[in-house]
Structure formats: C-alpha cells, structure tokens
C-alpha cells in the first residue's frame, strides 16, 4: 500500500527539482529547451517558459545587452554610498 505521505511529498520534490533546474540552467540551454517544449499544452502558460521562448530570460546571459557595452567614463555611473551603523542605546565604555 502506498503511503499518503509519499503521495504528497513526491510531487512537491519533483516540482522543486524542476524549478531549481530551470532557474540554475544557463540561459542558452533554457531557451533551447523552451523552444523544444513549447508545444506541450500544460507548459504554454507557464511564465518562465514564455519568457525563455521570447528571449527575455532573467539573469546574466538572458539578453545581448552586455555584449556591446562600453566601459564607463570616469565619474559616469558611479555613486557614493555611505553606510552607517545605528548607535546602540548606551555608548561603549571609555577605557583610560
């Protein structure tokens, strides 16, 4: 007899594996796989599959935008960020 826990956990583990494999897959492989699987009716409305078929996959190598990027000129695109830590409720003891 099949345990109810296995019937619940097995699809969750399978779906988690598919999600992680899809997310960590290189964009070129993701696009190739999506173009092969796009005729499956169950997957046509899955948003990550549609993005991959359209070539708008998230993450690095999802587009050709960085291929022709020029290096920034000095001062262009540079922002200074000051990070400060909030003071604690009482100041640290002074050692003399």
PDB file of N, CA and C in Angstrom:
ATOM      1  N   UNK A   1       0.837  -1.181   0.000  1.00  0.00           N
ATOM      2  CA  UNK A   1       0.000   0.000   0.000  1.00  0.00           C
ATOM      3  C   UNK A   1       0.888   1.252   0.000  1.00  0.00           C
ATOM      4  N   UNK A   2       0.514   2.216  -0.801  1.00  0.00           N
ATOM      5  CA  UNK A   2       1.293   3.446  -0.922  1.00  0.00           C
ATOM      6  C   UNK A   2       0.933   4.371   0.227  1.00  0.00           C
ATOM      7  N   UNK A   3       1.967   4.885   0.845  1.00  0.00           N
ATOM      8  CA  UNK A   3       1.774   5.788   1.974  1.00  0.00           C
ATOM      9  C   UNK A   3       1.281   7.154   1.472  1.00  0.00           C
ATOM     10  N   UNK A   4       0.364   7.767   2.190  1.00  0.00           N
ATOM     11  CA  UNK A   4      -0.193   9.068   1.809  1.00  0.00           C
ATOM     12  C   UNK A   4       0.893  10.138   1.815  1.00  0.00           C
ATOM     13  N   UNK A   5       1.827  10.018   2.732  1.00  0.00           N
ATOM     14  CA  UNK A   5       2.909  10.996   2.814  1.00  0.00           C
ATOM     15  C   UNK A   5       3.733  10.989   1.527  1.00  0.00           C
ATOM     16  N   UNK A   6       3.977   9.814   0.962  1.00  0.00           N
ATOM     17  CA  UNK A   6       4.735   9.724  -0.284  1.00  0.00           C
ATOM     18  C   UNK A   6       3.950  10.363  -1.424  1.00  0.00           C
ATOM     19  N   UNK A   7       2.640  10.164  -1.436  1.00  0.00           N
ATOM     20  CA  UNK A   7       1.814  10.758  -2.486  1.00  0.00           C
ATOM     21  C   UNK A   7       1.808  12.287  -2.420  1.00  0.00           C
ATOM     22  N   UNK A   8       2.013  12.837  -1.248  1.00  0.00           N
ATOM     23  CA  UNK A   8       2.040  14.290  -1.089  1.00  0.00           C
ATOM     24  C   UNK A   8       3.437  14.845  -1.344  1.00  0.00           C
ATOM     25  N   UNK A   9       4.454  14.186  -0.810  1.00  0.00           N
ATOM     26  CA  UNK A   9       5.820  14.724  -0.863  1.00  0.00           C
ATOM     27  C   UNK A   9       6.462  14.525  -2.231  1.00  0.00           C
ATOM     28  N   UNK A  10       6.209  13.412  -2.894  1.00  0.00           N
ATOM     29  CA  UNK A  10       6.864  13.128  -4.180  1.00  0.00           C
ATOM     30  C   UNK A  10       6.580  14.201  -5.233  1.00  0.00           C
ATOM     31  N   UNK A  11       5.333  14.637  -5.445  1.00  0.00           N
ATOM     32  CA  UNK A  11       5.123  15.720  -6.421  1.00  0.00           C
ATOM     33  C   UNK A  11       5.770  17.034  -6.002  1.00  0.00           C
ATOM     34  N   UNK A  12       5.807  17.320  -4.709  1.00  0.00           N
ATOM     35  CA  UNK A  12       6.452  18.551  -4.246  1.00  0.00           C
ATOM     36  C   UNK A  12       7.950  18.528  -4.515  1.00  0.00           C
ATOM     37  N   UNK A  13       8.585  17.398  -4.255  1.00  0.00           N
ATOM     38  CA  UNK A  13      10.024  17.272  -4.513  1.00  0.00           C
ATOM     39  C   UNK A  13      10.295  17.351  -6.010  1.00  0.00           C
ATOM     40  N   UNK A  14       9.455  16.699  -6.808  1.00  0.00           N
ATOM     41  CA  UNK A  14       9.627  16.756  -8.263  1.00  0.00           C
ATOM     42  C   UNK A  14       9.479  18.166  -8.802  1.00  0.00           C
ATOM     43  N   UNK A  15       8.452  18.879  -8.338  1.00  0.00           N
ATOM     44  CA  UNK A  15       8.254  20.261  -8.784  1.00  0.00           C
ATOM     45  C   UNK A  15       9.403  21.161  -8.328  1.00  0.00           C
ATOM     46  N   UNK A  16       9.906  20.932  -7.127  1.00  0.00           N
ATOM     47  CA  UNK A  16      11.044  21.718  -6.626  1.00  0.00           C
ATOM     48  C   UNK A  16      12.285  21.462  -7.474  1.00  0.00           C
ATOM     49  N   UNK A  17      12.496  20.209  -7.851  1.00  0.00           N
ATOM     50  CA  UNK A  17      13.650  19.881  -8.693  1.00  0.00           C
ATOM     51  C   UNK A  17      13.545  20.579 -10.047  1.00  0.00           C
ATOM     52  N   UNK A  18      12.368  20.550 -10.650  1.00  0.00           N
ATOM     53  CA  UNK A  18      12.182  21.193 -11.950  1.00  0.00           C
ATOM     54  C   UNK A  18      12.418  22.698 -11.832  1.00  0.00           C
ATOM     55  N   UNK A  19      11.917  23.314 -10.765  1.00  0.00           N
ATOM     56  CA  UNK A  19      12.096  24.755 -10.581  1.00  0.00           C
ATOM     57  C   UNK A  19      13.572  25.117 -10.413  1.00  0.00           C
ATOM     58  N   UNK A  20      14.271  24.372  -9.581  1.00  0.00           N
ATOM     59  CA  UNK A  20      15.691  24.674  -9.341  1.00  0.00           C
ATOM     60  C   UNK A  20      16.515  24.414 -10.592  1.00  0.00           C
ATOM     61  N   UNK A  21      16.240  23.311 -11.287  1.00  0.00           N
ATOM     62  CA  UNK A  21      16.989  23.016 -12.511  1.00  0.00           C
ATOM     63  C   UNK A  21      16.748  24.091 -13.562  1.00  0.00           C
ATOM     64  N   UNK A  22      15.519  24.564 -13.693  1.00  0.00           N
ATOM     65  CA  UNK A  22      15.195  25.616 -14.668  1.00  0.00           C
ATOM     66  C   UNK A  22      15.874  26.924 -14.290  1.00  0.00           C
ATOM     67  N   UNK A  23      15.868  27.250 -13.003  1.00  0.00           N
ATOM     68  CA  UNK A  23      16.441  28.517 -12.550  1.00  0.00           C
ATOM     69  C   UNK A  23      17.960  28.543 -12.709  1.00  0.00           C
ATOM     70  N   UNK A  24      18.624  27.442 -12.418  1.00  0.00           N
ATOM     71  CA  UNK A  24      20.085  27.413 -12.471  1.00  0.00           C
ATOM     72  C   UNK A  24      20.637  27.052 -13.845  1.00  0.00           C
ATOM     73  N   UNK A  25      19.777  26.719 -14.773  1.00  0.00           N
ATOM     74  CA  UNK A  25      20.206  26.354 -16.121  1.00  0.00           C
ATOM     75  C   UNK A  25      20.706  27.594 -16.855  1.00  0.00           C
ATOM     76  N   UNK A  26      21.771  27.462 -17.640  1.00  0.00           N
ATOM     77  CA  UNK A  26      22.220  28.611 -18.439  1.00  0.00           C
ATOM     78  C   UNK A  26      21.117  29.086 -19.389  1.00  0.00           C
ATOM     79  N   UNK A  27      21.119  30.368 -19.675  1.00  0.00           N
ATOM     80  CA  UNK A  27      20.042  30.959 -20.474  1.00  0.00           C
ATOM     81  C   UNK A  27      19.956  30.345 -21.864  1.00  0.00           C
ATOM     82  N   UNK A  28      21.089  30.029 -22.478  1.00  0.00           N
ATOM     83  CA  UNK A  28      21.055  29.438 -23.815  1.00  0.00           C
ATOM     84  C   UNK A  28      20.395  28.066 -23.781  1.00  0.00           C
ATOM     85  N   UNK A  29      20.727  27.271 -22.777  1.00  0.00           N
ATOM     86  CA  UNK A  29      20.105  25.950 -22.642  1.00  0.00           C
ATOM     87  C   UNK A  29      18.624  26.077 -22.305  1.00  0.00           C
ATOM     88  N   UNK A  30      18.290  27.076 -21.498  1.00  0.00           N
ATOM     89  CA  UNK A  30      16.892  27.314 -21.138  1.00  0.00           C
ATOM     90  C   UNK A  30      16.067  27.673 -22.375  1.00  0.00           C
ATOM     91  N   UNK A  31      16.626  28.544 -23.234  1.00  0.00           N
ATOM     92  CA  UNK A  31      15.914  28.915 -24.459  1.00  0.00           C
ATOM     93  C   UNK A  31      15.758  27.727 -25.394  1.00  0.00           C
ATOM     94  N   UNK A  32      16.811  26.914 -25.523  1.00  0.00           N
ATOM     95  CA  UNK A  32      16.741  25.742 -26.398  1.00  0.00           C
ATOM     96  C   UNK A  32      15.701  24.744 -25.886  1.00  0.00           C
ATOM     97  N   UNK A  33      15.693  24.498 -24.593  1.00  0.00           N
ATOM     98  CA  UNK A  33      14.721  23.569 -24.021  1.00  0.00           C
ATOM     99  C   UNK A  33      13.305  24.121 -24.140  1.00  0.00           C
ATOM    100  N   UNK A  34      13.144  25.408 -23.925  1.00  0.00           N
ATOM    101  CA  UNK A  34      11.818  26.027 -24.026  1.00  0.00           C
ATOM    102  C   UNK A  34      11.291  25.959 -25.454  1.00  0.00           C
ATOM    103  N   UNK A  35      12.160  26.143 -26.429  1.00  0.00           N
ATOM    104  CA  UNK A  35      11.692  26.077 -27.816  1.00  0.00           C
ATOM    105  C   UNK A  35      11.291  24.657 -28.191  1.00  0.00           C
ATOM    106  N   UNK A  36      11.919  23.650 -27.577  1.00  0.00           N
ATOM    107  CA  UNK A  36      11.529  22.267 -27.846  1.00  0.00           C
ATOM    108  C   UNK A  36      10.257  21.865 -27.115  1.00  0.00           C
ATOM    109  N   UNK A  37      10.019  22.458 -25.953  1.00  0.00           N
ATOM    110  CA  UNK A  37       8.873  22.059 -25.132  1.00  0.00           C
ATOM    111  C   UNK A  37       7.658  22.977 -25.281  1.00  0.00           C
ATOM    112  N   UNK A  38       7.726  23.988 -26.121  1.00  0.00           N
ATOM    113  CA  UNK A  38       6.641  24.964 -26.184  1.00  0.00           C
ATOM    114  C   UNK A  38       5.344  24.405 -26.757  1.00  0.00           C
ATOM    115  N   UNK A  39       5.387  23.268 -27.426  1.00  0.00           N
ATOM    116  CA  UNK A  39       4.165  22.690 -27.981  1.00  0.00           C
ATOM    117  C   UNK A  39       3.357  21.911 -26.940  1.00  0.00           C
ATOM    118  N   UNK A  40       3.916  21.688 -25.747  1.00  0.00           N
ATOM    119  CA  UNK A  40       3.192  20.983 -24.687  1.00  0.00           C
ATOM    120  C   UNK A  40       2.187  21.954 -24.075  1.00  0.00           C
ATOM    121  N   UNK A  41       0.933  21.594 -24.119  1.00  0.00           N
ATOM    122  CA  UNK A  41      -0.148  22.486 -23.721  1.00  0.00           C
ATOM    123  C   UNK A  41      -0.045  22.903 -22.250  1.00  0.00           C
ATOM    124  N   UNK A  42       0.386  22.009 -21.380  1.00  0.00           N
ATOM    125  CA  UNK A  42       0.483  22.314 -19.957  1.00  0.00           C
ATOM    126  C   UNK A  42       1.515  23.411 -19.682  1.00  0.00           C
ATOM    127  N   UNK A  43       2.550  23.487 -20.503  1.00  0.00           N
ATOM    128  CA  UNK A  43       3.648  24.425 -20.261  1.00  0.00           C
ATOM    129  C   UNK A  43       3.500  25.756 -20.998  1.00  0.00           C
ATOM    130  N   UNK A  44       2.522  25.889 -21.874  1.00  0.00           N
ATOM    131  CA  UNK A  44       2.433  27.112 -22.679  1.00  0.00           C
ATOM    132  C   UNK A  44       2.101  28.344 -21.850  1.00  0.00           C
ATOM    133  N   UNK A  45       1.389  28.187 -20.746  1.00  0.00           N
ATOM    134  CA  UNK A  45       1.026  29.346 -19.920  1.00  0.00           C
ATOM    135  C   UNK A  45       1.974  29.564 -18.753  1.00  0.00           C
ATOM    136  N   UNK A  46       3.024  28.771 -18.643  1.00  0.00           N
ATOM    137  CA  UNK A  46       3.996  28.929 -17.561  1.00  0.00           C
ATOM    138  C   UNK A  46       4.867  30.133 -17.890  1.00  0.00           C
ATOM    139  N   UNK A  47       4.827  31.166 -17.050  1.00  0.00           N
ATOM    140  CA  UNK A  47       5.504  32.443 -17.335  1.00  0.00           C
ATOM    141  C   UNK A  47       7.002  32.294 -17.596  1.00  0.00           C
ATOM    142  N   UNK A  48       7.764  31.511 -16.813  1.00  0.00           N
ATOM    143  CA  UNK A  48       9.181  31.382 -17.132  1.00  0.00           C
ATOM    144  C   UNK A  48       9.427  30.759 -18.508  1.00  0.00           C
ATOM    145  N   UNK A  49       8.546  29.860 -18.922  1.00  0.00           N
ATOM    146  CA  UNK A  49       8.698  29.248 -20.251  1.00  0.00           C
ATOM    147  C   UNK A  49       8.439  30.288 -21.339  1.00  0.00           C
ATOM    148  N   UNK A  50       7.415  31.121 -21.157  1.00  0.00           N
ATOM    149  CA  UNK A  50       7.133  32.163 -22.143  1.00  0.00           C
ATOM    150  C   UNK A  50       8.274  33.160 -22.238  1.00  0.00           C
ATOM    151  N   UNK A  51       8.846  33.539 -21.085  1.00  0.00           N
ATOM    152  CA  UNK A  51       9.977  34.480 -21.102  1.00  0.00           C
ATOM    153  C   UNK A  51      11.170  33.878 -21.823  1.00  0.00           C
ATOM    154  N   UNK A  52      11.427  32.589 -21.612  1.00  0.00           N
ATOM    155  CA  UNK A  52      12.570  31.952 -22.254  1.00  0.00           C
ATOM    156  C   UNK A  52      12.369  31.846 -23.758  1.00  0.00           C
ATOM    157  N   UNK A  53      11.160  31.540 -24.196  1.00  0.00           N
ATOM    158  CA  UNK A  53      10.886  31.449 -25.634  1.00  0.00           C
ATOM    159  C   UNK A  53      11.015  32.826 -26.270  1.00  0.00           C
ATOM    160  N   UNK A  54      10.575  33.871 -25.565  1.00  0.00           N
ATOM    161  CA  UNK A  54      10.676  35.230 -26.093  1.00  0.00           C
ATOM    162  C   UNK A  54      12.089  35.783 -26.023  1.00  0.00           C
ATOM    163  N   UNK A  55      12.977  35.112 -25.302  1.00  0.00           N
ATOM    164  CA  UNK A  55      14.352  35.574 -25.176  1.00  0.00           C
ATOM    165  C   UNK A  55      14.549  36.578 -24.070  1.00  0.00           C
ATOM    166  N   UNK A  56      13.571  36.729 -23.193  1.00  0.00           N
ATOM    167  CA  UNK A  56      13.671  37.698 -22.104  1.00  0.00           C
ATOM    168  C   UNK A  56      13.907  36.985 -20.781  1.00  0.00           C
ATOM    169  N   UNK A  57      14.790  36.013 -20.769  1.00  0.00           N
ATOM    170  CA  UNK A  57      15.059  35.240 -19.562  1.00  0.00           C
ATOM    171  C   UNK A  57      15.778  36.104 -18.534  1.00  0.00           C
ATOM    172  N   UNK A  58      15.416  35.994 -17.255  1.00  0.00           N
ATOM    173  CA  UNK A  58      16.073  36.794 -16.236  1.00  0.00           C
ATOM    174  C   UNK A  58      17.487  36.303 -15.967  1.00  0.00           C
ATOM    175  N   UNK A  59      18.311  37.173 -15.448  1.00  0.00           N
ATOM    176  CA  UNK A  59      19.650  36.771 -15.050  1.00  0.00           C
ATOM    177  C   UNK A  59      20.682  37.081 -16.119  1.00  0.00           C
ATOM    178  N   UNK A  60      21.901  36.754 -15.826  1.00  0.00           N
ATOM    179  CA  UNK A  60      23.003  37.002 -16.733  1.00  0.00           C
ATOM    180  C   UNK A  60      22.860  36.135 -17.978  1.00  0.00           C
ATOM    181  N   UNK A  61      23.252  36.637 -19.101  1.00  0.00           N
ATOM    182  CA  UNK A  61      23.195  35.969 -20.403  1.00  0.00           C
ATOM    183  C   UNK A  61      21.759  35.797 -20.883  1.00  0.00           C
ATOM    184  N   UNK A  62      20.820  36.559 -20.317  1.00  0.00           N
ATOM    185  CA  UNK A  62      19.443  36.489 -20.764  1.00  0.00           C
ATOM    186  C   UNK A  62      19.190  37.355 -21.981  1.00  0.00           C
ATOM    187  N   UNK A  63      20.104  38.254 -22.282  1.00  0.00           N
ATOM    188  CA  UNK A  63      19.946  39.114 -23.445  1.00  0.00           C
ATOM    189  C   UNK A  63      21.330  39.436 -23.995  1.00  0.00           C
ATOM    190  N   UNK A  64      21.385  40.187 -25.040  1.00  0.00           N
ATOM    191  CA  UNK A  64      22.665  40.551 -25.635  1.00  0.00           C
ATOM    192  C   UNK A  64      23.051  41.972 -25.239  1.00  0.00           C
ATOM    193  N   UNK A  65      22.498  42.477 -24.159  1.00  0.00           N
ATOM    194  CA  UNK A  65      22.725  43.858 -23.767  1.00  0.00           C
ATOM    195  C   UNK A  65      24.140  44.165 -23.335  1.00  0.00           C
ATOM    196  N   UNK A  66      24.845  43.217 -22.781  1.00  0.00           N
ATOM    197  CA  UNK A  66      26.194  43.467 -22.276  1.00  0.00           C
ATOM    198  C   UNK A  66      27.261  43.217 -23.328  1.00  0.00           C
ATOM    199  N   UNK A  67      26.908  42.636 -24.460  1.00  0.00           N
ATOM    200  CA  UNK A  67      27.914  42.292 -25.457  1.00  0.00           C
ATOM    201  C   UNK A  67      28.597  43.515 -26.039  1.00  0.00           C
ATOM    202  N   UNK A  68      27.844  44.593 -26.263  1.00  0.00           N
ATOM    203  CA  UNK A  68      28.427  45.779 -26.875  1.00  0.00           C
ATOM    204  C   UNK A  68      28.541  46.942 -25.887  1.00  0.00           C
ATOM    205  N   UNK A  69      28.573  46.637 -24.611  1.00  0.00           N
ATOM    206  CA  UNK A  69      28.635  47.700 -23.608  1.00  0.00           C
ATOM    207  C   UNK A  69      30.025  48.328 -23.610  1.00  0.00           C
ATOM    208  N   UNK A  70      30.045  49.643 -23.552  1.00  0.00           N
ATOM    209  CA  UNK A  70      31.328  50.352 -23.491  1.00  0.00           C
ATOM    210  C   UNK A  70      31.671  50.590 -22.021  1.00  0.00           C
ATOM    211  N   UNK A  71      32.939  50.666 -21.700  1.00  0.00           N
ATOM    212  CA  UNK A  71      33.299  50.937 -20.306  1.00  0.00           C
ATOM    213  C   UNK A  71      32.882  52.352 -19.914  1.00  0.00           C
ATOM    214  N   UNK A  72      32.482  52.563 -18.660  1.00  0.00           N
ATOM    215  CA  UNK A  72      32.041  53.903 -18.249  1.00  0.00           C
ATOM    216  C   UNK A  72      33.206  54.878 -18.208  1.00  0.00           C
ATOM    217  N   UNK A  73      32.915  56.129 -18.539  1.00  0.00           N
ATOM    218  CA  UNK A  73      33.923  57.182 -18.399  1.00  0.00           C
ATOM    219  C   UNK A  73      34.073  57.525 -16.929  1.00  0.00           C
ATOM    220  N   UNK A  74      35.131  58.185 -16.591  1.00  0.00           N
ATOM    221  CA  UNK A  74      35.368  58.497 -15.182  1.00  0.00           C
ATOM    222  C   UNK A  74      34.234  59.365 -14.647  1.00  0.00           C
ATOM    223  N   UNK A  75      33.686  58.970 -13.526  1.00  0.00           N
ATOM    224  CA  UNK A  75      32.611  59.706 -12.896  1.00  0.00           C
ATOM    225  C   UNK A  75      31.228  59.344 -13.416  1.00  0.00           C
ATOM    226  N   UNK A  76      31.144  58.618 -14.503  1.00  0.00           N
ATOM    227  CA  UNK A  76      29.844  58.269 -15.079  1.00  0.00           C
ATOM    228  C   UNK A  76      29.338  56.974 -14.442  1.00  0.00           C
ATOM    229  N   UNK A  77      28.168  57.025 -13.895  1.00  0.00           N
ATOM    230  CA  UNK A  77      27.567  55.825 -13.329  1.00  0.00           C
ATOM    231  C   UNK A  77      28.118  55.434 -11.975  1.00  0.00           C
ATOM    232  N   UNK A  78      28.875  56.312 -11.338  1.00  0.00           N
ATOM    233  CA  UNK A  78      29.452  55.997 -10.041  1.00  0.00           C
ATOM    234  C   UNK A  78      28.671  56.745  -8.970  1.00  0.00           C
ATOM    235  N   UNK A  79      28.239  56.033  -7.966  1.00  0.00           N
ATOM    236  CA  UNK A  79      27.501  56.643  -6.868  1.00  0.00           C
ATOM    237  C   UNK A  79      28.221  56.326  -5.562  1.00  0.00           C
ATOM    238  N   UNK A  80      28.337  57.312  -4.712  1.00  0.00           N
ATOM    239  CA  UNK A  80      28.959  57.128  -3.409  1.00  0.00           C
ATOM    240  C   UNK A  80      27.871  56.771  -2.409  1.00  0.00           C
ATOM    241  N   UNK A  81      28.077  55.678  -1.706  1.00  0.00           N
ATOM    242  CA  UNK A  81      27.102  55.220  -0.724  1.00  0.00           C
ATOM    243  C   UNK A  81      27.783  55.190   0.634  1.00  0.00           C
ATOM    244  N   UNK A  82      27.236  55.921   1.589  1.00  0.00           N
ATOM    245  CA  UNK A  82      27.753  55.910   2.949  1.00  0.00           C
ATOM    246  C   UNK A  82      26.886  54.974   3.781  1.00  0.00           C
ATOM    247  N   UNK A  83      27.521  53.976   4.384  1.00  0.00           N
ATOM    248  CA  UNK A  83      26.804  53.032   5.225  1.00  0.00           C
ATOM    249  C   UNK A  83      27.197  53.306   6.661  1.00  0.00           C
ATOM    250  N   UNK A  84      26.217  53.586   7.490  1.00  0.00           N
ATOM    251  CA  UNK A  84      26.488  53.853   8.901  1.00  0.00           C
ATOM    252  C   UNK A  84      25.714  52.874   9.754  1.00  0.00           C
ATOM    253  N   UNK A  85      26.263  52.611  10.888  1.00  0.00           N
ATOM    254  CA  UNK A  85      25.625  51.707  11.833  1.00  0.00           C
ATOM    255  C   UNK A  85      24.909  52.537  12.881  1.00  0.00           C
ATOM    256  N   UNK A  86      23.673  52.198  13.221  1.00  0.00           N
ATOM    257  CA  UNK A  86      22.969  52.994  14.234  1.00  0.00           C
ATOM    258  C   UNK A  86      23.652  52.856  15.595  1.00  0.00           C
ATOM    259  N   UNK A  87      23.609  53.923  16.360  1.00  0.00           N
ATOM    260  CA  UNK A  87      24.194  53.901  17.700  1.00  0.00           C
ATOM    261  C   UNK A  87      23.402  52.962  18.594  1.00  0.00           C
ATOM    262  N   UNK A  88      24.110  52.293  19.474  1.00  0.00           N
ATOM    263  CA  UNK A  88      23.407  51.449  20.448  1.00  0.00           C
ATOM    264  C   UNK A  88      22.740  52.336  21.481  1.00  0.00           C
ATOM    265  N   UNK A  89      21.989  51.754  22.339  1.00  0.00           N
ATOM    266  CA  UNK A  89      21.231  52.548  23.323  1.00  0.00           C
ATOM    267  C   UNK A  89      22.145  53.281  24.293  1.00  0.00           C
ATOM    268  N   UNK A  90      23.220  52.668  24.645  1.00  0.00           N
ATOM    269  CA  UNK A  90      24.174  53.386  25.504  1.00  0.00           C
ATOM    270  C   UNK A  90      25.540  53.313  24.852  1.00  0.00           C
ATOM    271  N   UNK A  91      26.298  54.353  24.979  1.00  0.00           N
ATOM    272  CA  UNK A  91      27.607  54.385  24.329  1.00  0.00           C
ATOM    273  C   UNK A  91      28.546  53.379  24.965  1.00  0.00           C
ATOM    274  N   UNK A  92      29.549  52.913  24.217  1.00  0.00           N
ATOM    275  CA  UNK A  92      30.501  51.963  24.781  1.00  0.00           C
ATOM    276  C   UNK A  92      31.310  52.629  25.884  1.00  0.00           C
ATOM    277  N   UNK A  93      31.774  51.837  26.861  1.00  0.00           N
ATOM    278  CA  UNK A  93      32.565  52.418  27.958  1.00  0.00           C
ATOM    279  C   UNK A  93      33.894  52.968  27.431  1.00  0.00           C
ATOM    280  N   UNK A  94      34.323  54.063  28.067  1.00  0.00           N
ATOM    281  CA  UNK A  94      35.579  54.695  27.694  1.00  0.00           C
ATOM    282  C   UNK A  94      36.689  54.085  28.534  1.00  0.00           C
ATOM    283  N   UNK A  95      37.707  53.575  27.883  1.00  0.00           N
ATOM    284  CA  UNK A  95      38.842  52.991  28.605  1.00  0.00           C
ATOM    285  C   UNK A  95      39.960  54.022  28.679  1.00  0.00           C
ATOM    286  N   UNK A  96      40.506  54.164  29.867  1.00  0.00           N
ATOM    287  CA  UNK A  96      41.578  55.144  30.069  1.00  0.00           C
ATOM    288  C   UNK A  96      42.836  54.473  30.486  1.00  0.00           C
TER     289      UNK A  96
END
